[in-house]
Amino acid sequence: GEIEDGDVEPNDRRLLFEEWASYSVFYKYQPIGLIRKYFGEKVGLYFAWLGVYTQMLIPASIIGVIVFLYGCATVDDNIPRYQPHLYSVVLISEISY
């Protein structure tokens, strides 16, 4: 017959599947201890660094989304115009080199 999930003591692989490799736990912290125990020190350190790096990118991504939305909202307002005094400065600086 089939083995019921309630009758089996969970092993490390099953715990990793339930606590880490499931879409329903994406908002939780990674179980670094279980990862290290199952895969080893190097892989555990890699996923620990990956978690820290991902957290460091969250503020930058929020700022990037805000700047992008601001650019989309103001794209029609920002029409470049001819400003001869700015072009003359660029031309003089290029000629002098």
PDB file of N, CA and C in Angstrom:
ATOM      1  N   GLY A   1       0.811  -1.180   0.000  1.00  0.00           N
ATOM      2  CA  GLY A   1       0.000   0.000   0.000  1.00  0.00           C
ATOM      3  C   GLY A   1       0.861   1.253   0.000  1.00  0.00           C
ATOM      4  N   GLU A   2       0.201   2.367  -0.061  1.00  0.00           N
ATOM      5  CA  GLU A   2       0.890   3.653  -0.050  1.00  0.00           C
ATOM      6  C   GLU A   2       1.180   4.087   1.372  1.00  0.00           C
ATOM      7  N   ILE A   3       2.249   4.828   1.538  1.00  0.00           N
ATOM      8  CA  ILE A   3       2.646   5.335   2.848  1.00  0.00           C
ATOM      9  C   ILE A   3       2.002   6.700   3.033  1.00  0.00           C
ATOM     10  N   GLU A   4       1.329   6.882   4.141  1.00  0.00           N
ATOM     11  CA  GLU A   4       0.708   8.164   4.456  1.00  0.00           C
ATOM     12  C   GLU A   4       1.783   9.142   4.908  1.00  0.00           C
ATOM     13  N   ASP A   5       1.621  10.435   4.609  1.00  0.00           N
ATOM     14  CA  ASP A   5       2.588  11.442   5.027  1.00  0.00           C
ATOM     15  C   ASP A   5       2.659  11.558   6.532  1.00  0.00           C
ATOM     16  N   GLY A   6       1.575  11.328   7.250  1.00  0.00           N
ATOM     17  CA  GLY A   6       1.565  11.457   8.704  1.00  0.00           C
ATOM     18  C   GLY A   6       2.316  10.342   9.413  1.00  0.00           C
ATOM     19  N   ASP A   7       2.512   9.198   8.757  1.00  0.00           N
ATOM     20  CA  ASP A   7       3.161   8.053   9.380  1.00  0.00           C
ATOM     21  C   ASP A   7       4.679   8.091   9.258  1.00  0.00           C
ATOM     22  N   VAL A   8       5.227   8.953   8.411  1.00  0.00           N
ATOM     23  CA  VAL A   8       6.653   8.971   8.145  1.00  0.00           C
ATOM     24  C   VAL A   8       7.294  10.128   8.896  1.00  0.00           C
ATOM     25  N   GLU A   9       8.410   9.819   9.556  1.00  0.00           N
ATOM     26  CA  GLU A   9       9.166  10.893  10.225  1.00  0.00           C
ATOM     27  C   GLU A   9       9.860  11.728   9.161  1.00  0.00           C
ATOM     28  N   PRO A  10       9.727  13.057   9.224  1.00  0.00           N
ATOM     29  CA  PRO A  10      10.322  13.885   8.163  1.00  0.00           C
ATOM     30  C   PRO A  10      11.852  13.864   8.215  1.00  0.00           C
ATOM     31  N   ASN A  11      12.455  13.650   7.054  1.00  0.00           N
ATOM     32  CA  ASN A  11      13.912  13.695   6.961  1.00  0.00           C
ATOM     33  C   ASN A  11      14.331  15.078   6.479  1.00  0.00           C
ATOM     34  N   ASP A  12      15.632  15.291   6.310  1.00  0.00           N
ATOM     35  CA  ASP A  12      16.138  16.615   5.930  1.00  0.00           C
ATOM     36  C   ASP A  12      15.618  17.045   4.563  1.00  0.00           C
ATOM     37  N   ARG A  13      15.539  16.114   3.645  1.00  0.00           N
ATOM     38  CA  ARG A  13      15.073  16.457   2.299  1.00  0.00           C
ATOM     39  C   ARG A  13      13.620  16.908   2.322  1.00  0.00           C
ATOM     40  N   ARG A  14      12.799  16.222   3.075  1.00  0.00           N
ATOM     41  CA  ARG A  14      11.377  16.591   3.179  1.00  0.00           C
ATOM     42  C   ARG A  14      11.219  17.934   3.873  1.00  0.00           C
ATOM     43  N   LEU A  15      12.011  18.163   4.925  1.00  0.00           N
ATOM     44  CA  LEU A  15      11.952  19.452   5.611  1.00  0.00           C
ATOM     45  C   LEU A  15      12.363  20.594   4.683  1.00  0.00           C
ATOM     46  N   LEU A  16      13.406  20.376   3.889  1.00  0.00           N
ATOM     47  CA  LEU A  16      13.820  21.398   2.930  1.00  0.00           C
ATOM     48  C   LEU A  16      12.727  21.667   1.905  1.00  0.00           C
ATOM     49  N   PHE A  17      12.078  20.622   1.459  1.00  0.00           N
ATOM     50  CA  PHE A  17      10.995  20.809   0.489  1.00  0.00           C
ATOM     51  C   PHE A  17       9.850  21.612   1.093  1.00  0.00           C
ATOM     52  N   GLU A  18       9.487  21.310   2.323  1.00  0.00           N
ATOM     53  CA  GLU A  18       8.354  21.990   2.956  1.00  0.00           C
ATOM     54  C   GLU A  18       8.683  23.415   3.386  1.00  0.00           C
ATOM     55  N   GLU A  19       9.921  23.662   3.829  1.00  0.00           N
ATOM     56  CA  GLU A  19      10.263  24.971   4.380  1.00  0.00           C
ATOM     57  C   GLU A  19      11.017  25.881   3.415  1.00  0.00           C
ATOM     58  N   TRP A  20      11.442  25.356   2.259  1.00  0.00           N
ATOM     59  CA  TRP A  20      12.295  26.156   1.390  1.00  0.00           C
ATOM     60  C   TRP A  20      11.890  26.077  -0.075  1.00  0.00           C
ATOM     61  N   ALA A  21      11.620  24.898  -0.592  1.00  0.00           N
ATOM     62  CA  ALA A  21      11.400  24.710  -2.025  1.00  0.00           C
ATOM     63  C   ALA A  21       9.922  24.695  -2.388  1.00  0.00           C
ATOM     64  N   SER A  22       9.157  25.563  -1.781  1.00  0.00           N
ATOM     65  CA  SER A  22       7.733  25.637  -2.049  1.00  0.00           C
ATOM     66  C   SER A  22       7.347  27.095  -2.288  1.00  0.00           C
ATOM     67  N   TYR A  23       6.454  27.317  -3.229  1.00  0.00           N
ATOM     68  CA  TYR A  23       6.026  28.686  -3.534  1.00  0.00           C
ATOM     69  C   TYR A  23       5.269  29.331  -2.382  1.00  0.00           C
ATOM     70  N   SER A  24       4.699  28.547  -1.519  1.00  0.00           N
ATOM     71  CA  SER A  24       3.904  29.107  -0.422  1.00  0.00           C
ATOM     72  C   SER A  24       4.764  29.707   0.690  1.00  0.00           C
ATOM     73  N   VAL A  25       6.073  29.510   0.661  1.00  0.00           N
ATOM     74  CA  VAL A  25       6.954  30.046   1.710  1.00  0.00           C
ATOM     75  C   VAL A  25       7.957  31.051   1.160  1.00  0.00           C
ATOM     76  N   PHE A  26       7.595  31.733   0.059  1.00  0.00           N
ATOM     77  CA  PHE A  26       8.540  32.662  -0.567  1.00  0.00           C
ATOM     78  C   PHE A  26       8.837  33.860   0.321  1.00  0.00           C
ATOM     79  N   TYR A  27       7.968  34.212   1.225  1.00  0.00           N
ATOM     80  CA  TYR A  27       8.140  35.393   2.070  1.00  0.00           C
ATOM     81  C   TYR A  27       8.938  35.098   3.339  1.00  0.00           C
ATOM     82  N   LYS A  28       9.242  33.860   3.609  1.00  0.00           N
ATOM     83  CA  LYS A  28       9.969  33.487   4.818  1.00  0.00           C
ATOM     84  C   LYS A  28      11.483  33.503   4.575  1.00  0.00           C
ATOM     85  N   TYR A  29      12.235  33.581   5.663  1.00  0.00           N
ATOM     86  CA  TYR A  29      13.687  33.491   5.555  1.00  0.00           C
ATOM     87  C   TYR A  29      14.094  32.076   5.171  1.00  0.00           C
ATOM     88  N   GLN A  30      15.247  31.970   4.533  1.00  0.00           N
ATOM     89  CA  GLN A  30      15.743  30.664   4.129  1.00  0.00           C
ATOM     90  C   GLN A  30      16.204  29.868   5.352  1.00  0.00           C
ATOM     91  N   PRO A  31      15.948  28.575   5.379  1.00  0.00           N
ATOM     92  CA  PRO A  31      16.461  27.745   6.479  1.00  0.00           C
ATOM     93  C   PRO A  31      17.934  27.401   6.238  1.00  0.00           C
ATOM     94  N   ILE A  32      18.805  28.355   6.523  1.00  0.00           N
ATOM     95  CA  ILE A  32      20.237  28.205   6.212  1.00  0.00           C
ATOM     96  C   ILE A  32      20.835  26.994   6.925  1.00  0.00           C
ATOM     97  N   GLY A  33      20.418  26.751   8.152  1.00  0.00           N
ATOM     98  CA  GLY A  33      20.936  25.594   8.884  1.00  0.00           C
ATOM     99  C   GLY A  33      20.617  24.278   8.199  1.00  0.00           C
ATOM    100  N   LEU A  34      19.381  24.140   7.729  1.00  0.00           N
ATOM    101  CA  LEU A  34      19.003  22.912   7.016  1.00  0.00           C
ATOM    102  C   LEU A  34      19.726  22.810   5.672  1.00  0.00           C
ATOM    103  N   ILE A  35      19.866  23.929   4.989  1.00  0.00           N
ATOM    104  CA  ILE A  35      20.566  23.916   3.700  1.00  0.00           C
ATOM    105  C   ILE A  35      22.020  23.494   3.907  1.00  0.00           C
ATOM    106  N   ARG A  36      22.649  24.068   4.932  1.00  0.00           N
ATOM    107  CA  ARG A  36      24.045  23.725   5.219  1.00  0.00           C
ATOM    108  C   ARG A  36      24.186  22.258   5.611  1.00  0.00           C
ATOM    109  N   LYS A  37      23.234  21.775   6.400  1.00  0.00           N
ATOM    110  CA  LYS A  37      23.294  20.380   6.853  1.00  0.00           C
ATOM    111  C   LYS A  37      23.114  19.404   5.681  1.00  0.00           C
ATOM    112  N   TYR A  38      22.220  19.724   4.755  1.00  0.00           N
ATOM    113  CA  TYR A  38      21.918  18.815   3.659  1.00  0.00           C
ATOM    114  C   TYR A  38      22.929  18.910   2.515  1.00  0.00           C
ATOM    115  N   PHE A  39      23.299  20.140   2.127  1.00  0.00           N
ATOM    116  CA  PHE A  39      24.157  20.323   0.957  1.00  0.00           C
ATOM    117  C   PHE A  39      25.624  20.538   1.284  1.00  0.00           C
ATOM    118  N   GLY A  40      25.932  20.989   2.507  1.00  0.00           N
ATOM    119  CA  GLY A  40      27.312  21.236   2.876  1.00  0.00           C
ATOM    120  C   GLY A  40      27.580  22.710   3.110  1.00  0.00           C
ATOM    121  N   GLU A  41      28.804  22.983   3.576  1.00  0.00           N
ATOM    122  CA  GLU A  41      29.181  24.340   3.971  1.00  0.00           C
ATOM    123  C   GLU A  41      29.192  25.315   2.796  1.00  0.00           C
ATOM    124  N   LYS A  42      29.782  24.917   1.680  1.00  0.00           N
ATOM    125  CA  LYS A  42      29.923  25.840   0.552  1.00  0.00           C
ATOM    126  C   LYS A  42      28.576  26.259  -0.010  1.00  0.00           C
ATOM    127  N   VAL A  43      27.673  25.320  -0.192  1.00  0.00           N
ATOM    128  CA  VAL A  43      26.350  25.638  -0.731  1.00  0.00           C
ATOM    129  C   VAL A  43      25.551  26.441   0.290  1.00  0.00           C
ATOM    130  N   GLY A  44      25.680  26.116   1.566  1.00  0.00           N
ATOM    131  CA  GLY A  44      25.002  26.890   2.603  1.00  0.00           C
ATOM    132  C   GLY A  44      25.473  28.330   2.631  1.00  0.00           C
ATOM    133  N   LEU A  45      26.787  28.539   2.508  1.00  0.00           N
ATOM    134  CA  LEU A  45      27.336  29.893   2.471  1.00  0.00           C
ATOM    135  C   LEU A  45      26.866  30.633   1.222  1.00  0.00           C
ATOM    136  N   TYR A  46      26.790  29.936   0.100  1.00  0.00           N
ATOM    137  CA  TYR A  46      26.318  30.552  -1.139  1.00  0.00           C
ATOM    138  C   TYR A  46      24.891  31.060  -0.983  1.00  0.00           C
ATOM    139  N   PHE A  47      24.000  30.246  -0.433  1.00  0.00           N
ATOM    140  CA  PHE A  47      22.611  30.667  -0.292  1.00  0.00           C
ATOM    141  C   PHE A  47      22.444  31.716   0.803  1.00  0.00           C
ATOM    142  N   ALA A  48      23.298  31.701   1.806  1.00  0.00           N
ATOM    143  CA  ALA A  48      23.266  32.769   2.810  1.00  0.00           C
ATOM    144  C   ALA A  48      23.646  34.094   2.166  1.00  0.00           C
ATOM    145  N   TRP A  49      24.712  34.097   1.353  1.00  0.00           N
ATOM    146  CA  TRP A  49      25.116  35.321   0.656  1.00  0.00           C
ATOM    147  C   TRP A  49      24.047  35.764  -0.338  1.00  0.00           C
ATOM    148  N   LEU A  50      23.435  34.825  -1.032  1.00  0.00           N
ATOM    149  CA  LEU A  50      22.384  35.154  -1.985  1.00  0.00           C
ATOM    150  C   LEU A  50      21.205  35.828  -1.296  1.00  0.00           C
ATOM    151  N   GLY A  51      20.854  35.378  -0.098  1.00  0.00           N
ATOM    152  CA  GLY A  51      19.778  36.006   0.654  1.00  0.00           C
ATOM    153  C   GLY A  51      20.124  37.426   1.070  1.00  0.00           C
ATOM    154  N   VAL A  52      21.356  37.646   1.538  1.00  0.00           N
ATOM    155  CA  VAL A  52      21.790  38.990   1.940  1.00  0.00           C
ATOM    156  C   VAL A  52      21.832  39.907   0.726  1.00  0.00           C
ATOM    157  N   TYR A  53      22.361  39.428  -0.379  1.00  0.00           N
ATOM    158  CA  TYR A  53      22.463  40.228  -1.599  1.00  0.00           C
ATOM    159  C   TYR A  53      21.077  40.624  -2.118  1.00  0.00           C
ATOM    160  N   THR A  54      20.147  39.694  -2.074  1.00  0.00           N
ATOM    161  CA  THR A  54      18.786  39.987  -2.512  1.00  0.00           C
ATOM    162  C   THR A  54      18.153  41.049  -1.635  1.00  0.00           C
ATOM    163  N   GLN A  55      18.362  40.974  -0.330  1.00  0.00           N
ATOM    164  CA  GLN A  55      17.818  41.993   0.568  1.00  0.00           C
ATOM    165  C   GLN A  55      18.449  43.353   0.311  1.00  0.00           C
ATOM    166  N   MET A  56      19.733  43.374  -0.059  1.00  0.00           N
ATOM    167  CA  MET A  56      20.391  44.653  -0.345  1.00  0.00           C
ATOM    168  C   MET A  56      19.858  45.272  -1.644  1.00  0.00           C
ATOM    169  N   LEU A  57      19.359  44.460  -2.567  1.00  0.00           N
ATOM    170  CA  LEU A  57      18.854  44.979  -3.835  1.00  0.00           C
ATOM    171  C   LEU A  57      17.428  45.518  -3.739  1.00  0.00           C
ATOM    172  N   ILE A  58      16.709  45.202  -2.682  1.00  0.00           N
ATOM    173  CA  ILE A  58      15.319  45.643  -2.564  1.00  0.00           C
ATOM    174  C   ILE A  58      15.200  47.170  -2.552  1.00  0.00           C
ATOM    175  N   PRO A  59      15.972  47.925  -1.733  1.00  0.00           N
ATOM    176  CA  PRO A  59      15.847  49.385  -1.787  1.00  0.00           C
ATOM    177  C   PRO A  59      16.202  49.967  -3.160  1.00  0.00           C
ATOM    178  N   ALA A  60      17.223  49.433  -3.802  1.00  0.00           N
ATOM    179  CA  ALA A  60      17.600  49.927  -5.128  1.00  0.00           C
ATOM    180  C   ALA A  60      16.492  49.665  -6.145  1.00  0.00           C
ATOM    181  N   SER A  61      15.838  48.537  -6.046  1.00  0.00           N
ATOM    182  CA  SER A  61      14.758  48.244  -6.989  1.00  0.00           C
ATOM    183  C   SER A  61      13.551  49.139  -6.749  1.00  0.00           C
ATOM    184  N   ILE A  62      13.277  49.469  -5.497  1.00  0.00           N
ATOM    185  CA  ILE A  62      12.156  50.373  -5.202  1.00  0.00           C
ATOM    186  C   ILE A  62      12.439  51.758  -5.776  1.00  0.00           C
ATOM    187  N   ILE A  63      13.659  52.249  -5.581  1.00  0.00           N
ATOM    188  CA  ILE A  63      14.032  53.550  -6.145  1.00  0.00           C
ATOM    189  C   ILE A  63      13.965  53.502  -7.670  1.00  0.00           C
ATOM    190  N   GLY A  64      14.415  52.423  -8.262  1.00  0.00           N
ATOM    191  CA  GLY A  64      14.362  52.287  -9.715  1.00  0.00           C
ATOM    192  C   GLY A  64      12.940  52.300 -10.248  1.00  0.00           C
ATOM    193  N   VAL A  65      12.020  51.649  -9.565  1.00  0.00           N
ATOM    194  CA  VAL A  65      10.616  51.650  -9.997  1.00  0.00           C
ATOM    195  C   VAL A  65      10.034  53.055  -9.883  1.00  0.00           C
ATOM    196  N   ILE A  66      10.359  53.768  -8.803  1.00  0.00           N
ATOM    197  CA  ILE A  66       9.862  55.131  -8.628  1.00  0.00           C
ATOM    198  C   ILE A  66      10.383  56.043  -9.744  1.00  0.00           C
ATOM    199  N   VAL A  67      11.671  55.958 -10.047  1.00  0.00           N
ATOM    200  CA  VAL A  67      12.256  56.782 -11.113  1.00  0.00           C
ATOM    201  C   VAL A  67      11.650  56.421 -12.466  1.00  0.00           C
ATOM    202  N   PHE A  68      11.434  55.141 -12.716  1.00  0.00           N
ATOM    203  CA  PHE A  68      10.829  54.715 -13.969  1.00  0.00           C
ATOM    204  C   PHE A  68       9.408  55.259 -14.113  1.00  0.00           C
ATOM    205  N   LEU A  69       8.609  55.148 -13.051  1.00  0.00           N
ATOM    206  CA  LEU A  69       7.237  55.658 -13.104  1.00  0.00           C
ATOM    207  C   LEU A  69       7.214  57.169 -13.267  1.00  0.00           C
ATOM    208  N   TYR A  70       8.142  57.873 -12.610  1.00  0.00           N
ATOM    209  CA  TYR A  70       8.243  59.322 -12.785  1.00  0.00           C
ATOM    210  C   TYR A  70       8.590  59.662 -14.239  1.00  0.00           C
ATOM    211  N   GLY A  71       9.499  58.916 -14.821  1.00  0.00           N
ATOM    212  CA  GLY A  71       9.857  59.133 -16.219  1.00  0.00           C
ATOM    213  C   GLY A  71       8.699  58.867 -17.155  1.00  0.00           C
ATOM    214  N   CYS A  72       7.928  57.822 -16.889  1.00  0.00           N
ATOM    215  CA  CYS A  72       6.752  57.541 -17.720  1.00  0.00           C
ATOM    216  C   CYS A  72       5.702  58.631 -17.588  1.00  0.00           C
ATOM    217  N   ALA A  73       5.534  59.157 -16.371  1.00  0.00           N
ATOM    218  CA  ALA A  73       4.520  60.187 -16.142  1.00  0.00           C
ATOM    219  C   ALA A  73       4.916  61.524 -16.755  1.00  0.00           C
ATOM    220  N   THR A  74       6.201  61.803 -16.872  1.00  0.00           N
ATOM    221  CA  THR A  74       6.640  63.114 -17.353  1.00  0.00           C
ATOM    222  C   THR A  74       7.291  63.062 -18.733  1.00  0.00           C
ATOM    223  N   VAL A  75       7.119  61.993 -19.471  1.00  0.00           N
ATOM    224  CA  VAL A  75       7.792  61.860 -20.765  1.00  0.00           C
ATOM    225  C   VAL A  75       7.278  62.894 -21.769  1.00  0.00           C
ATOM    226  N   ASP A  76       6.019  63.263 -21.713  1.00  0.00           N
ATOM    227  CA  ASP A  76       5.483  64.245 -22.653  1.00  0.00           C
ATOM    228  C   ASP A  76       5.842  65.671 -22.265  1.00  0.00           C
ATOM    229  N   ASP A  77       6.167  65.910 -20.999  1.00  0.00           N
ATOM    230  CA  ASP A  77       6.493  67.260 -20.534  1.00  0.00           C
ATOM    231  C   ASP A  77       7.941  67.649 -20.823  1.00  0.00           C
ATOM    232  N   ASN A  78       8.791  66.679 -21.004  1.00  0.00           N
ATOM    233  CA  ASN A  78      10.217  66.942 -21.147  1.00  0.00           C
ATOM    234  C   ASN A  78      10.605  66.914 -22.620  1.00  0.00           C
ATOM    235  N   ILE A  79      10.331  68.015 -23.323  1.00  0.00           N
ATOM    236  CA  ILE A  79      10.657  68.108 -24.741  1.00  0.00           C
ATOM    237  C   ILE A  79      11.947  68.914 -24.867  1.00  0.00           C
ATOM    238  N   PRO A  80      12.995  68.318 -25.413  1.00  0.00           N
ATOM    239  CA  PRO A  80      14.257  69.055 -25.523  1.00  0.00           C
ATOM    240  C   PRO A  80      14.131  70.204 -26.521  1.00  0.00           C
ATOM    241  N   ARG A  81      14.838  71.268 -26.254  1.00  0.00           N
ATOM    242  CA  ARG A  81      14.821  72.410 -27.162  1.00  0.00           C
ATOM    243  C   ARG A  81      16.258  72.810 -27.477  1.00  0.00           C
ATOM    244  N   TYR A  82      16.402  73.542 -28.527  1.00  0.00           N
ATOM    245  CA  TYR A  82      17.721  73.971 -28.971  1.00  0.00           C
ATOM    246  C   TYR A  82      18.233  75.088 -28.058  1.00  0.00           C
ATOM    247  N   GLN A  83      19.389  74.865 -27.467  1.00  0.00           N
ATOM    248  CA  GLN A  83      19.999  75.858 -26.588  1.00  0.00           C
ATOM    249  C   GLN A  83      21.416  76.111 -27.103  1.00  0.00           C
ATOM    250  N   PRO A  84      21.580  77.136 -27.928  1.00  0.00           N
ATOM    251  CA  PRO A  84      22.878  77.336 -28.599  1.00  0.00           C
ATOM    252  C   PRO A  84      24.029  77.585 -27.637  1.00  0.00           C
ATOM    253  N   HIS A  85      23.793  78.203 -26.482  1.00  0.00           N
ATOM    254  CA  HIS A  85      24.900  78.466 -25.558  1.00  0.00           C
ATOM    255  C   HIS A  85      25.481  77.175 -24.976  1.00  0.00           C
ATOM    256  N   LEU A  86      24.665  76.151 -24.806  1.00  0.00           N
ATOM    257  CA  LEU A  86      25.184  74.869 -24.313  1.00  0.00           C
ATOM    258  C   LEU A  86      25.992  74.154 -25.388  1.00  0.00           C
ATOM    259  N   TYR A  87      25.535  74.212 -26.632  1.00  0.00           N
ATOM    260  CA  TYR A  87      26.257  73.549 -27.707  1.00  0.00           C
ATOM    261  C   TYR A  87      27.589  74.241 -27.980  1.00  0.00           C
ATOM    262  N   SER A  88      27.651  75.538 -27.817  1.00  0.00           N
ATOM    263  CA  SER A  88      28.914  76.242 -28.047  1.00  0.00           C
ATOM    264  C   SER A  88      29.957  75.861 -27.002  1.00  0.00           C
ATOM    265  N   VAL A  89      29.536  75.616 -25.752  1.00  0.00           N
ATOM    266  CA  VAL A  89      30.474  75.184 -24.707  1.00  0.00           C
ATOM    267  C   VAL A  89      31.031  73.810 -25.039  1.00  0.00           C
ATOM    268  N   VAL A  90      30.178  72.925 -25.523  1.00  0.00           N
ATOM    269  CA  VAL A  90      30.625  71.583 -25.881  1.00  0.00           C
ATOM    270  C   VAL A  90      31.583  71.648 -27.063  1.00  0.00           C
ATOM    271  N   LEU A  91      31.270  72.446 -28.056  1.00  0.00           N
ATOM    272  CA  LEU A  91      32.136  72.555 -29.226  1.00  0.00           C
ATOM    273  C   LEU A  91      33.491  73.164 -28.866  1.00  0.00           C
ATOM    274  N   ILE A  92      33.495  74.190 -28.020  1.00  0.00           N
ATOM    275  CA  ILE A  92      34.756  74.826 -27.616  1.00  0.00           C
ATOM    276  C   ILE A  92      35.608  73.837 -26.817  1.00  0.00           C
ATOM    277  N   SER A  93      34.987  73.066 -25.953  1.00  0.00           N
ATOM    278  CA  SER A  93      35.756  72.108 -25.149  1.00  0.00           C
ATOM    279  C   SER A  93      36.318  70.999 -26.024  1.00  0.00           C
ATOM    280  N   GLU A  94      35.588  70.604 -27.069  1.00  0.00           N
ATOM    281  CA  GLU A  94      36.097  69.563 -27.971  1.00  0.00           C
ATOM    282  C   GLU A  94      37.227  70.087 -28.846  1.00  0.00           C
ATOM    283  N   ILE A  95      37.130  71.334 -29.272  1.00  0.00           N
ATOM    284  CA  ILE A  95      38.167  71.912 -30.115  1.00  0.00           C
ATOM    285  C   ILE A  95      39.455  72.123 -29.340  1.00  0.00           C
ATOM    286  N   SER A  96      39.339  72.450 -28.073  1.00  0.00           N
ATOM    287  CA  SER A  96      40.541  72.743 -27.278  1.00  0.00           C
ATOM    288  C   SER A  96      41.359  71.497 -26.980  1.00  0.00           C
ATOM    289  N   TYR A  97      40.780  70.324 -27.096  1.00  0.00           N
ATOM    290  CA  TYR A  97      41.551  69.110 -26.862  1.00  0.00           C
ATOM    291  C   TYR A  97      42.105  68.662 -28.154  1.00  0.00           C
TER     292      TYR A  97
END
